[in-house]
Amino acid sequence: MVVLAGCVADAEEPRPVLLPVEPADVPDADVEEPPSLDLCALAAALPTDNACSLICDPDALARRLVDDGMEGGRCYQLRCTLSPDASISVGVCLPP
């Protein structure tokens, strides 16, 4: 297994951490979100150069990751910080 991680000194916005996972490890069921959080609104408020801003548009997120150089035909788990109080984990499988 290969783990991708990085850090940038003095970054203004947290960057997503990408971890490759096997397609069989990505759950099929949707995870319930707390009723008091609008995750899509929080994601939309992120800068557009942050891939996590696209979590509510899976196709656009996959295209962005491929455009950013991620290897196609793999699945990744992203940890996205949407606000100081909200972080989520998002799975995405990229087309080959």
N, C-alpha and C. Protein backbone atom coordinates (compact mmCIF):
# COMPACT_ATOMS: atom_id res chain seq x y z
N MET A 1 0.84 -1.16 0.00
CA MET A 1 0.00 0.00 0.00
C MET A 1 0.89 1.23 0.00
N VAL A 2 0.52 2.21 -0.79
CA VAL A 2 1.25 3.47 -0.86
C VAL A 2 0.40 4.53 -0.19
N VAL A 3 0.99 5.32 0.67
CA VAL A 3 0.28 6.39 1.34
C VAL A 3 0.84 7.72 0.86
N LEU A 4 -0.04 8.58 0.40
CA LEU A 4 0.37 9.90 -0.04
C LEU A 4 0.00 10.90 1.03
N ALA A 5 0.92 11.73 1.40
CA ALA A 5 0.64 12.78 2.36
C ALA A 5 1.64 13.89 2.12
N GLY A 6 1.31 15.04 2.53
CA GLY A 6 2.23 16.15 2.38
C GLY A 6 1.88 17.24 3.34
N CYS A 7 2.80 18.16 3.48
CA CYS A 7 2.46 19.30 4.30
C CYS A 7 3.15 20.51 3.71
N VAL A 8 2.50 21.61 3.89
CA VAL A 8 3.00 22.86 3.36
C VAL A 8 3.09 23.85 4.51
N ALA A 9 4.22 24.44 4.68
CA ALA A 9 4.39 25.41 5.75
C ALA A 9 3.59 26.65 5.44
N ASP A 10 2.93 27.17 6.44
CA ASP A 10 2.17 28.41 6.34
C ASP A 10 1.07 28.36 5.30
N ALA A 11 0.47 27.21 5.05
CA ALA A 11 -0.64 27.13 4.11
C ALA A 11 -1.86 27.81 4.71
N GLU A 12 -2.55 28.59 3.89
CA GLU A 12 -3.73 29.29 4.37
C GLU A 12 -4.90 28.34 4.58
N GLU A 13 -5.09 27.39 3.67
CA GLU A 13 -6.19 26.44 3.75
C GLU A 13 -5.62 25.03 3.87
N PRO A 14 -6.22 24.18 4.70
CA PRO A 14 -5.73 22.79 4.77
C PRO A 14 -5.96 22.09 3.44
N ARG A 15 -5.00 21.31 3.02
CA ARG A 15 -5.09 20.56 1.78
C ARG A 15 -5.61 19.16 2.09
N PRO A 16 -6.33 18.53 1.16
CA PRO A 16 -6.81 17.18 1.43
C PRO A 16 -5.65 16.20 1.50
N VAL A 17 -5.79 15.20 2.36
CA VAL A 17 -4.81 14.12 2.46
C VAL A 17 -5.38 12.97 1.64
N LEU A 18 -4.62 12.48 0.67
CA LEU A 18 -5.09 11.42 -0.21
C LEU A 18 -4.44 10.10 0.16
N LEU A 19 -5.28 9.12 0.44
CA LEU A 19 -4.80 7.79 0.78
C LEU A 19 -5.42 6.79 -0.19
N PRO A 20 -4.63 6.02 -0.93
CA PRO A 20 -5.21 5.04 -1.85
C PRO A 20 -5.86 3.90 -1.07
N VAL A 21 -7.00 3.46 -1.57
CA VAL A 21 -7.70 2.33 -0.96
C VAL A 21 -8.14 1.41 -2.09
N GLU A 22 -8.41 0.17 -1.76
CA GLU A 22 -8.91 -0.78 -2.73
C GLU A 22 -10.40 -0.52 -2.95
N PRO A 23 -10.91 -0.71 -4.18
CA PRO A 23 -12.33 -0.47 -4.44
C PRO A 23 -13.25 -1.24 -3.49
N ALA A 24 -12.86 -2.45 -3.11
CA ALA A 24 -13.68 -3.25 -2.20
C ALA A 24 -13.75 -2.64 -0.80
N ASP A 25 -12.81 -1.76 -0.45
CA ASP A 25 -12.79 -1.14 0.87
C ASP A 25 -13.67 0.10 0.96
N VAL A 26 -14.20 0.58 -0.17
CA VAL A 26 -15.04 1.78 -0.17
C VAL A 26 -16.47 1.34 0.10
N PRO A 27 -17.08 1.80 1.19
CA PRO A 27 -18.43 1.34 1.53
C PRO A 27 -19.45 1.82 0.51
N ASP A 28 -20.48 1.00 0.28
CA ASP A 28 -21.55 1.35 -0.64
C ASP A 28 -22.60 2.24 0.03
N ALA A 29 -22.76 2.09 1.33
CA ALA A 29 -23.80 2.82 2.04
C ALA A 29 -23.38 4.26 2.29
N ASP A 30 -24.36 5.14 2.21
CA ASP A 30 -24.10 6.54 2.54
C ASP A 30 -24.00 6.68 4.05
N VAL A 31 -23.13 7.56 4.49
CA VAL A 31 -22.97 7.84 5.90
C VAL A 31 -23.91 8.98 6.26
N GLU A 32 -24.64 8.81 7.35
CA GLU A 32 -25.54 9.88 7.76
C GLU A 32 -24.74 11.08 8.22
N GLU A 33 -25.19 12.25 7.85
CA GLU A 33 -24.53 13.48 8.27
C GLU A 33 -25.36 14.13 9.36
N PRO A 34 -24.71 14.84 10.26
CA PRO A 34 -25.45 15.50 11.33
C PRO A 34 -26.45 16.49 10.72
N PRO A 35 -27.66 16.54 11.26
CA PRO A 35 -28.69 17.40 10.68
C PRO A 35 -28.37 18.89 10.77
N SER A 36 -27.51 19.29 11.69
CA SER A 36 -27.23 20.70 11.87
C SER A 36 -26.15 21.23 10.92
N LEU A 37 -25.50 20.36 10.15
CA LEU A 37 -24.44 20.78 9.24
C LEU A 37 -24.88 20.64 7.79
N ASP A 38 -24.67 21.67 7.01
CA ASP A 38 -24.89 21.58 5.57
C ASP A 38 -23.50 21.42 4.94
N LEU A 39 -23.08 20.17 4.76
CA LEU A 39 -21.74 19.88 4.28
C LEU A 39 -21.49 20.46 2.89
N CYS A 40 -22.49 20.45 2.03
CA CYS A 40 -22.31 21.00 0.69
C CYS A 40 -22.10 22.51 0.74
N ALA A 41 -22.80 23.19 1.62
CA ALA A 41 -22.61 24.64 1.76
C ALA A 41 -21.22 24.94 2.31
N LEU A 42 -20.77 24.14 3.29
CA LEU A 42 -19.42 24.33 3.83
C LEU A 42 -18.37 24.08 2.76
N ALA A 43 -18.56 23.04 1.96
CA ALA A 43 -17.61 22.73 0.89
C ALA A 43 -17.60 23.84 -0.16
N ALA A 44 -18.77 24.34 -0.51
CA ALA A 44 -18.86 25.40 -1.53
C ALA A 44 -18.18 26.68 -1.06
N ALA A 45 -18.04 26.86 0.25
CA ALA A 45 -17.40 28.07 0.78
C ALA A 45 -15.87 27.98 0.73
N LEU A 46 -15.33 26.78 0.45
CA LEU A 46 -13.88 26.62 0.35
C LEU A 46 -13.37 27.28 -0.93
N PRO A 47 -12.09 27.64 -0.97
CA PRO A 47 -11.53 28.19 -2.21
C PRO A 47 -11.67 27.17 -3.35
N THR A 48 -11.88 27.65 -4.55
CA THR A 48 -12.11 26.75 -5.69
C THR A 48 -10.89 25.92 -6.05
N ASP A 49 -9.69 26.33 -5.60
CA ASP A 49 -8.51 25.51 -5.89
C ASP A 49 -8.35 24.35 -4.90
N ASN A 50 -9.24 24.26 -3.92
CA ASN A 50 -9.24 23.16 -2.95
C ASN A 50 -10.18 22.08 -3.48
N ALA A 51 -9.66 20.88 -3.75
CA ALA A 51 -10.47 19.78 -4.30
C ALA A 51 -11.66 19.45 -3.41
N CYS A 52 -11.54 19.69 -2.11
CA CYS A 52 -12.63 19.40 -1.19
C CYS A 52 -13.85 20.27 -1.45
N SER A 53 -13.68 21.36 -2.18
CA SER A 53 -14.83 22.21 -2.52
C SER A 53 -15.79 21.48 -3.46
N LEU A 54 -15.36 20.36 -4.02
CA LEU A 54 -16.16 19.61 -5.00
C LEU A 54 -16.77 18.33 -4.44
N ILE A 55 -16.78 18.16 -3.12
CA ILE A 55 -17.24 16.88 -2.57
C ILE A 55 -18.69 16.57 -2.89
N CYS A 56 -19.50 17.56 -3.19
CA CYS A 56 -20.90 17.32 -3.51
C CYS A 56 -21.13 17.13 -5.00
N ASP A 57 -20.07 17.13 -5.78
CA ASP A 57 -20.13 16.84 -7.22
C ASP A 57 -19.05 15.80 -7.51
N PRO A 58 -19.36 14.52 -7.26
CA PRO A 58 -18.35 13.45 -7.39
C PRO A 58 -17.66 13.39 -8.74
N ASP A 59 -18.40 13.64 -9.83
CA ASP A 59 -17.77 13.59 -11.16
C ASP A 59 -16.75 14.72 -11.30
N ALA A 60 -17.10 15.91 -10.85
CA ALA A 60 -16.16 17.05 -10.93
C ALA A 60 -14.96 16.80 -10.03
N LEU A 61 -15.19 16.20 -8.86
CA LEU A 61 -14.08 15.90 -7.95
C LEU A 61 -13.13 14.90 -8.60
N ALA A 62 -13.66 13.86 -9.21
CA ALA A 62 -12.81 12.86 -9.88
C ALA A 62 -12.01 13.50 -11.02
N ARG A 63 -12.67 14.35 -11.83
CA ARG A 63 -11.96 15.03 -12.92
C ARG A 63 -10.84 15.91 -12.37
N ARG A 64 -11.12 16.64 -11.28
CA ARG A 64 -10.11 17.53 -10.68
C ARG A 64 -8.91 16.73 -10.23
N LEU A 65 -9.14 15.59 -9.55
CA LEU A 65 -8.03 14.79 -9.05
C LEU A 65 -7.19 14.23 -10.19
N VAL A 66 -7.84 13.78 -11.27
CA VAL A 66 -7.10 13.29 -12.43
C VAL A 66 -6.31 14.44 -13.05
N ASP A 67 -6.95 15.60 -13.20
CA ASP A 67 -6.26 16.78 -13.76
C ASP A 67 -5.08 17.19 -12.88
N ASP A 68 -5.19 16.97 -11.58
CA ASP A 68 -4.12 17.32 -10.65
C ASP A 68 -3.02 16.26 -10.59
N GLY A 69 -3.16 15.18 -11.41
CA GLY A 69 -2.10 14.20 -11.51
C GLY A 69 -2.29 12.91 -10.73
N MET A 70 -3.46 12.72 -10.13
CA MET A 70 -3.69 11.46 -9.41
C MET A 70 -3.87 10.33 -10.42
N GLU A 71 -3.40 9.15 -10.05
CA GLU A 71 -3.46 7.98 -10.93
C GLU A 71 -4.89 7.49 -11.08
N GLY A 72 -5.35 7.34 -12.34
CA GLY A 72 -6.68 6.82 -12.61
C GLY A 72 -6.77 5.33 -12.33
N GLY A 73 -7.99 4.82 -12.25
CA GLY A 73 -8.21 3.41 -11.99
C GLY A 73 -7.96 3.02 -10.54
N ARG A 74 -7.88 3.99 -9.66
CA ARG A 74 -7.63 3.75 -8.23
C ARG A 74 -8.71 4.46 -7.42
N CYS A 75 -8.85 4.04 -6.20
CA CYS A 75 -9.77 4.70 -5.27
C CYS A 75 -8.95 5.38 -4.18
N TYR A 76 -9.42 6.51 -3.74
CA TYR A 76 -8.72 7.31 -2.73
C TYR A 76 -9.70 7.73 -1.64
N GLN A 77 -9.16 7.92 -0.48
CA GLN A 77 -9.92 8.43 0.66
C GLN A 77 -9.37 9.82 0.97
N LEU A 78 -10.21 10.84 0.91
CA LEU A 78 -9.79 12.21 1.19
C LEU A 78 -10.29 12.62 2.57
N ARG A 79 -9.45 13.28 3.31
CA ARG A 79 -9.88 13.88 4.58
C ARG A 79 -9.97 15.37 4.32
N CYS A 80 -11.17 15.90 4.44
CA CYS A 80 -11.41 17.30 4.11
C CYS A 80 -11.82 18.07 5.35
N THR A 81 -11.14 19.18 5.59
CA THR A 81 -11.52 20.10 6.65
C THR A 81 -12.39 21.17 6.01
N LEU A 82 -13.66 21.16 6.38
CA LEU A 82 -14.62 22.09 5.79
C LEU A 82 -14.74 23.38 6.58
N SER A 83 -14.47 23.30 7.86
CA SER A 83 -14.51 24.47 8.74
C SER A 83 -13.70 24.08 9.98
N PRO A 84 -13.46 25.03 10.87
CA PRO A 84 -12.72 24.66 12.08
C PRO A 84 -13.41 23.57 12.90
N ASP A 85 -14.73 23.45 12.74
CA ASP A 85 -15.51 22.47 13.52
C ASP A 85 -15.97 21.25 12.72
N ALA A 86 -15.65 21.19 11.44
CA ALA A 86 -16.18 20.10 10.61
C ALA A 86 -15.11 19.56 9.67
N SER A 87 -14.80 18.28 9.86
CA SER A 87 -13.93 17.54 8.95
C SER A 87 -14.63 16.27 8.58
N ILE A 88 -14.48 15.85 7.33
CA ILE A 88 -15.10 14.61 6.89
C ILE A 88 -14.11 13.79 6.07
N SER A 89 -14.45 12.54 5.90
CA SER A 89 -13.67 11.63 5.07
C SER A 89 -14.54 11.30 3.86
N VAL A 90 -13.96 11.45 2.65
CA VAL A 90 -14.71 11.24 1.41
C VAL A 90 -13.97 10.24 0.55
N GLY A 91 -14.65 9.23 0.08
CA GLY A 91 -14.06 8.25 -0.82
C GLY A 91 -14.38 8.60 -2.27
N VAL A 92 -13.40 8.41 -3.15
CA VAL A 92 -13.62 8.67 -4.57
C VAL A 92 -12.79 7.67 -5.37
N CYS A 93 -13.43 7.09 -6.39
CA CYS A 93 -12.72 6.19 -7.30
C CYS A 93 -12.57 6.91 -8.64
N LEU A 94 -11.34 6.93 -9.15
CA LEU A 94 -11.05 7.63 -10.39
C LEU A 94 -11.18 6.69 -11.57
N PRO A 95 -11.68 7.19 -12.69
CA PRO A 95 -11.78 6.34 -13.88
C PRO A 95 -10.39 5.99 -14.41
N PRO A 96 -10.27 4.84 -15.05
CA PRO A 96 -8.96 4.44 -15.61
C PRO A 96 -8.51 5.36 -16.72
